[in-house]
Amino acid sequence: MFPLDPKTVERVASIVVDAGGSYERKGWQLEQLFSAAGWVDPPEYDGSPRVPWVIEQLTERASDRSSIERFLCRICDPLEYDEGKPAAELFCQAINEKLNPEYLAITYVGGRPVLGELTDDGDEPMFVQPSDIEQRLRALIHNKATVDVLVKRAKEADICASAGAYTFAIIGIGSFVEGMLLALLTERDETIREKGFVGANGKTQRADRAGLELLIDTARSKNWIQFASADFMHKVRDYRNFVHPRKELAEQPDFDRESVRLCWAPVHAVLNDVEERLDPIGR
């Protein structure tokens, strides 16, 4: 659990540096790793012993869960390695061995690494609303009222799940993502804000008429989110459409708590992606 135990931090740092190993990281490569994880003001390597230096950086931000989470995910990201997924999975296995006592684990959701909490039996990771979601949203979205609404939607999705209203929980998660992407795209893209979105048919769509599909595709086209994150989020979008009774009658989904957790997983991936690529508010 967070914050990570100091011993866990030491073990993670040793894996990351991989001194004498096939994937040993030099000082400049460690700098790149922190930067690629989307850290604000990423540290500059000072020439000191590398493992203690990594420990120092992780310790200084121990209370910043989102930064630590993105760092752990980046270590296990296929994009980090020339060999791609085989190398990433080696690191993922090693990292998970050290995270297991913390009841945490990295898993791949639609090809993207996501940090989840292990179930009581310590076997399968589960995904819930990010615990620091309000803090993370306020660092991304300028409009305070919008953040308040999004936080409320996320909380209501949890309330629905706790009460066994799993379909409405999934609808709420889709609504949360729609609001988050709309706020990000309209706040940070002047052309979209003034002229609207360009749809797949080349026609302009007013911002207040843009649907979740267009929002996901636009964020992907701007490289704000990875292909795998967008692909999995489209599945959540399809589930969100069970707000229409005719779709539920036609397809008869049998949603349960695990379905809700699976829908939170790509939300984690999308948040990680945009935090890596967009400057926080005030910068």
Protein backbone atom coordinates (compact mmCIF):
# COMPACT_ATOMS: atom_id res chain seq x y z
CA MET A 1 0.00 0.00 0.00
CA PHE A 2 1.00 3.62 -0.27
CA PRO A 3 3.29 5.15 0.73
CA LEU A 4 5.66 2.31 -0.10
CA ASP A 5 7.78 0.89 2.68
CA PRO A 6 11.41 2.14 2.56
CA LYS A 7 12.62 -1.43 2.00
CA THR A 8 10.31 -1.79 -1.00
CA VAL A 9 11.70 1.46 -2.40
CA GLU A 10 15.25 0.12 -2.02
CA ARG A 11 14.39 -3.11 -3.81
CA VAL A 12 12.61 -1.30 -6.65
CA ALA A 13 15.59 1.04 -7.09
CA SER A 14 17.96 -1.91 -7.36
CA ILE A 15 15.79 -3.51 -10.06
CA VAL A 16 15.58 -0.26 -12.01
CA VAL A 17 19.34 0.33 -12.06
CA ASP A 18 20.06 -3.36 -12.80
CA ALA A 19 23.76 -2.90 -12.03
CA GLY A 20 25.79 -5.41 -14.04
CA GLY A 21 22.67 -6.79 -15.71
CA SER A 22 21.49 -6.91 -19.29
CA TYR A 23 19.39 -3.76 -18.85
CA GLU A 24 21.71 -1.69 -16.69
CA ARG A 25 20.70 1.97 -16.70
CA LYS A 26 23.27 4.74 -16.74
CA GLY A 27 22.65 8.04 -15.01
CA TRP A 28 21.29 9.74 -18.12
CA GLN A 29 18.97 6.79 -18.75
CA LEU A 30 17.58 7.12 -15.24
CA GLU A 31 16.91 10.79 -15.95
CA GLN A 32 15.02 9.76 -19.07
CA LEU A 33 13.03 7.18 -17.12
CA PHE A 34 11.76 9.75 -14.61
CA SER A 35 10.95 12.14 -17.43
CA ALA A 36 9.13 9.46 -19.44
CA ALA A 37 7.06 8.69 -16.34
CA GLY A 38 5.67 12.21 -16.58
CA TRP A 39 7.25 13.57 -13.42
CA VAL A 40 6.93 17.32 -12.95
CA ASP A 41 10.45 18.80 -12.79
CA PRO A 42 12.17 15.41 -13.30
CA PRO A 43 15.45 15.11 -11.39
CA GLU A 44 18.85 15.60 -12.99
CA TYR A 45 21.40 12.91 -12.22
CA ASP A 46 24.21 14.32 -10.06
CA GLY A 47 26.84 11.64 -10.62
CA SER A 48 26.38 9.97 -7.23
CA PRO A 49 25.89 6.18 -6.84
CA ARG A 50 22.83 5.34 -8.88
CA VAL A 51 20.80 3.09 -6.56
CA PRO A 52 20.95 5.52 -3.60
CA TRP A 53 20.14 8.35 -6.01
CA VAL A 54 17.00 6.58 -7.28
CA ILE A 55 16.01 5.82 -3.67
CA GLU A 56 16.39 9.51 -2.85
CA GLN A 57 14.15 10.58 -5.73
CA LEU A 58 11.44 8.06 -4.87
CA THR A 59 11.60 8.94 -1.17
CA GLU A 60 11.26 12.66 -1.85
CA ARG A 61 7.97 11.99 -3.68
CA ALA A 62 6.75 9.16 -1.49
CA SER A 63 3.51 11.02 -0.72
CA ASP A 64 2.82 11.72 -4.41
CA ARG A 65 1.07 8.48 -5.25
CA SER A 66 0.37 9.34 -8.90
CA SER A 67 4.07 10.05 -9.60
CA ILE A 68 5.19 6.82 -7.94
CA GLU A 69 2.46 4.88 -9.73
CA ARG A 70 3.47 6.27 -13.13
CA PHE A 71 7.12 5.49 -12.40
CA LEU A 72 6.32 1.86 -11.54
CA CYS A 73 4.17 1.53 -14.66
CA ARG A 74 6.86 3.06 -16.86
CA ILE A 75 9.38 0.47 -15.67
CA CYS A 76 7.00 -2.18 -17.00
CA ASP A 77 6.01 -0.34 -20.18
CA PRO A 78 6.93 -2.06 -23.48
CA LEU A 79 7.58 1.41 -24.91
CA GLU A 80 10.55 1.75 -22.56
CA TYR A 81 12.56 -1.07 -24.16
CA ASP A 82 13.96 -1.78 -27.61
CA GLU A 83 12.85 -5.40 -27.17
CA GLY A 84 9.34 -4.28 -26.30
CA LYS A 85 7.04 -6.54 -24.32
CA PRO A 86 9.49 -9.40 -23.55
CA ALA A 87 11.84 -7.03 -21.70
CA ALA A 88 8.96 -5.17 -20.06
CA GLU A 89 7.49 -8.41 -18.75
CA LEU A 90 10.83 -9.39 -17.19
CA PHE A 91 10.86 -6.14 -15.25
CA CYS A 92 7.16 -6.49 -14.43
CA GLN A 93 7.73 -9.90 -12.88
CA ALA A 94 10.67 -8.62 -10.83
CA ILE A 95 8.80 -5.49 -9.69
CA ASN A 96 5.69 -7.48 -8.76
CA GLU A 97 7.74 -9.78 -6.54
CA LYS A 98 8.79 -6.72 -4.53
CA LEU A 99 5.33 -5.13 -4.56
CA ASN A 100 3.54 -8.29 -3.44
CA PRO A 101 4.04 -7.67 0.32
CA GLU A 102 2.45 -4.24 -0.26
CA TYR A 103 -0.58 -5.98 -1.83
CA LEU A 104 0.11 -4.20 -5.11
CA ALA A 105 0.80 -5.50 -8.62
CA ILE A 106 1.36 -4.24 -12.14
CA THR A 107 -0.77 -5.91 -14.79
CA TYR A 108 -1.42 -5.22 -18.46
CA VAL A 109 -4.81 -3.87 -19.46
CA GLY A 110 -5.23 -3.66 -23.20
CA GLY A 111 -1.44 -3.79 -23.45
CA ARG A 112 -0.86 -0.88 -21.05
CA PRO A 113 0.73 -1.35 -17.60
CA VAL A 114 -1.62 -0.44 -14.75
CA LEU A 115 -1.09 -0.66 -11.00
CA GLY A 116 -3.79 -2.49 -9.07
CA GLU A 117 -4.38 -3.61 -5.50
CA LEU A 118 -4.23 -7.34 -4.85
CA THR A 119 -7.28 -9.14 -3.55
CA ASP A 120 -7.25 -10.62 -0.06
CA ASP A 121 -5.87 -13.91 -1.35
CA GLY A 122 -2.94 -11.99 -2.87
CA ASP A 123 -3.63 -13.44 -6.29
CA GLU A 124 -5.52 -11.18 -8.70
CA PRO A 125 -5.14 -7.37 -8.91
CA MET A 126 -8.32 -5.33 -8.67
CA PHE A 127 -8.95 -1.83 -9.90
CA VAL A 128 -11.01 0.82 -8.17
CA GLN A 129 -11.39 4.57 -8.42
CA PRO A 130 -7.93 6.16 -7.99
CA SER A 131 -7.69 7.19 -4.34
CA ASP A 132 -6.11 10.55 -5.21
CA ILE A 133 -8.40 11.29 -8.13
CA GLU A 134 -9.38 14.80 -7.00
CA GLN A 135 -5.76 15.89 -6.60
CA ARG A 136 -4.86 14.47 -9.99
CA LEU A 137 -7.79 16.12 -11.74
CA ARG A 138 -7.05 19.52 -10.20
CA ALA A 139 -3.53 19.26 -11.61
CA LEU A 140 -4.96 18.67 -15.10
CA ILE A 141 -8.20 20.68 -15.32
CA HIS A 142 -8.39 24.40 -14.62
CA ASN A 143 -12.13 24.75 -14.07
CA LYS A 144 -12.81 23.94 -10.41
CA ALA A 145 -16.53 23.39 -10.91
CA THR A 146 -15.80 20.80 -13.59
CA VAL A 147 -13.46 18.93 -11.25
CA ASP A 148 -16.12 19.00 -8.52
CA VAL A 149 -18.64 17.42 -10.89
CA LEU A 150 -16.17 14.76 -12.05
CA VAL A 151 -15.22 13.81 -8.50
CA LYS A 152 -18.93 13.56 -7.65
CA ARG A 153 -19.52 11.29 -10.66
CA ALA A 154 -16.65 9.02 -9.62
CA LYS A 155 -17.97 8.80 -6.05
CA GLU A 156 -21.47 8.04 -7.30
CA ALA A 157 -20.10 5.23 -9.47
CA ASP A 158 -18.55 3.72 -6.34
CA ILE A 159 -21.82 4.11 -4.43
CA CYS A 160 -23.66 2.27 -7.21
CA ALA A 161 -21.10 -0.54 -7.20
CA SER A 162 -21.29 -0.88 -3.41
CA ALA A 163 -25.08 -1.17 -3.65
CA GLY A 164 -24.90 -3.82 -6.37
CA ALA A 165 -26.05 -1.44 -9.14
CA TYR A 166 -23.21 -2.54 -11.39
CA THR A 167 -24.72 -1.38 -14.69
CA PHE A 168 -25.19 2.13 -13.35
CA ALA A 169 -21.67 2.09 -11.90
CA ILE A 170 -20.27 1.34 -15.36
CA ILE A 171 -22.47 4.03 -16.91
CA GLY A 172 -21.08 6.43 -14.30
CA ILE A 173 -17.48 5.51 -15.13
CA GLY A 174 -18.14 6.19 -18.81
CA SER A 175 -19.74 9.51 -17.92
CA PHE A 176 -16.72 10.42 -15.80
CA VAL A 177 -14.32 9.72 -18.67
CA GLU A 178 -16.46 11.70 -21.10
CA GLY A 179 -16.42 14.73 -18.81
CA MET A 180 -12.70 14.48 -18.14
CA LEU A 181 -11.73 14.23 -21.82
CA LEU A 182 -14.12 17.02 -22.82
CA ALA A 183 -12.64 19.34 -20.19
CA LEU A 184 -9.05 18.52 -21.15
CA LEU A 185 -9.62 18.94 -24.88
CA THR A 186 -11.60 22.17 -24.67
CA GLU A 187 -9.33 23.77 -22.07
CA ARG A 188 -6.06 22.86 -23.73
CA ASP A 189 -6.87 23.14 -27.44
CA GLU A 190 -7.87 26.64 -28.59
CA THR A 191 -9.06 25.43 -31.99
CA ILE A 192 -11.41 22.89 -30.43
CA ARG A 193 -12.61 25.46 -27.93
CA GLU A 194 -13.44 28.00 -30.65
CA LYS A 195 -14.41 25.84 -33.64
CA GLY A 196 -15.32 22.45 -32.21
CA PHE A 197 -14.18 18.91 -33.03
CA VAL A 198 -13.51 17.41 -36.44
CA GLY A 199 -15.34 14.12 -36.81
CA ALA A 200 -14.32 11.04 -38.80
CA ASN A 201 -16.34 12.36 -41.76
CA GLY A 202 -14.36 15.60 -41.74
CA LYS A 203 -17.32 17.64 -40.54
CA THR A 204 -17.06 19.96 -37.56
CA GLN A 205 -18.89 18.94 -34.40
CA ARG A 206 -19.77 21.50 -31.73
CA ALA A 207 -17.95 20.83 -28.46
CA ASP A 208 -21.20 20.53 -26.53
CA ARG A 209 -22.37 17.85 -29.00
CA ALA A 210 -19.23 15.71 -29.00
CA GLY A 211 -19.79 12.14 -27.87
CA LEU A 212 -17.42 9.87 -26.00
CA GLU A 213 -16.28 8.07 -29.16
CA LEU A 214 -15.15 11.35 -30.75
CA LEU A 215 -13.49 12.48 -27.52
CA ILE A 216 -11.48 9.25 -27.24
CA ASP A 217 -10.47 9.35 -30.90
CA THR A 218 -9.45 13.02 -30.67
CA ALA A 219 -7.33 12.43 -27.57
CA ARG A 220 -5.68 9.53 -29.38
CA SER A 221 -5.08 11.56 -32.56
CA LYS A 222 -3.32 14.20 -30.45
CA ASN A 223 -1.17 11.42 -28.92
CA TRP A 224 -2.45 12.29 -25.46
CA ILE A 225 -3.35 8.65 -24.87
CA GLN A 226 -1.83 5.44 -26.20
CA PHE A 227 -3.56 3.24 -28.78
CA ALA A 228 -4.15 0.45 -26.26
CA SER A 229 -5.68 2.86 -23.73
CA ALA A 230 -8.01 4.26 -26.39
CA ASP A 231 -8.95 0.79 -27.62
CA PHE A 232 -9.87 -0.45 -24.15
CA MET A 233 -11.71 2.78 -23.34
CA HIS A 234 -13.90 2.20 -26.40
CA LYS A 235 -15.02 -1.02 -24.72
CA VAL A 236 -16.03 0.98 -21.65
CA ARG A 237 -17.87 3.36 -24.00
CA ASP A 238 -19.80 0.41 -25.41
CA TYR A 239 -20.70 -0.74 -21.89
CA ARG A 240 -21.80 2.79 -21.04
CA ASN A 241 -24.36 2.51 -23.83
CA PHE A 242 -26.28 -0.01 -21.73
CA VAL A 243 -27.95 3.12 -20.37
CA HIS A 244 -30.40 2.31 -23.19
CA PRO A 245 -32.76 -0.50 -22.07
CA ARG A 246 -33.13 -1.83 -25.61
CA LYS A 247 -29.40 -2.57 -25.74
CA GLU A 248 -29.56 -4.35 -22.39
CA LEU A 249 -32.56 -6.39 -23.52
CA ALA A 250 -30.82 -7.32 -26.76
CA GLU A 251 -27.45 -8.32 -25.29
CA GLN A 252 -28.35 -9.35 -21.72
CA PRO A 253 -25.04 -8.41 -20.03
CA ASP A 254 -24.38 -9.95 -16.65
CA PHE A 255 -22.30 -7.23 -15.01
CA ASP A 256 -20.83 -7.80 -11.56
CA ARG A 257 -18.30 -6.15 -9.27
CA GLU A 258 -15.44 -7.53 -11.36
CA SER A 259 -16.94 -5.87 -14.44
CA VAL A 260 -16.83 -2.53 -12.64
CA ARG A 261 -13.22 -3.07 -11.62
CA LEU A 262 -12.27 -3.91 -15.19
CA CYS A 263 -13.84 -0.63 -16.33
CA TRP A 264 -11.80 1.35 -13.81
CA ALA A 265 -8.59 -0.21 -15.15
CA PRO A 266 -8.45 1.76 -18.44
CA VAL A 267 -9.30 4.92 -16.49
CA HIS A 268 -6.02 4.41 -14.63
CA ALA A 269 -4.24 3.93 -17.97
CA VAL A 270 -5.77 7.06 -19.52
CA LEU A 271 -4.92 9.16 -16.46
CA ASN A 272 -1.34 7.91 -16.54
CA ASP A 273 -1.10 8.71 -20.25
CA VAL A 274 -2.36 12.29 -20.01
CA GLU A 275 -0.26 13.00 -16.93
CA GLU A 276 2.83 11.88 -18.83
CA ARG A 277 2.04 14.08 -21.82
CA LEU A 278 0.33 17.22 -20.49
CA ASP A 279 1.86 19.89 -18.28
CA PRO A 280 0.10 20.31 -14.93
CA ILE A 281 -1.94 23.43 -14.26
CA GLY A 282 0.24 26.42 -13.43
CA ARG A 283 3.21 25.45 -15.57
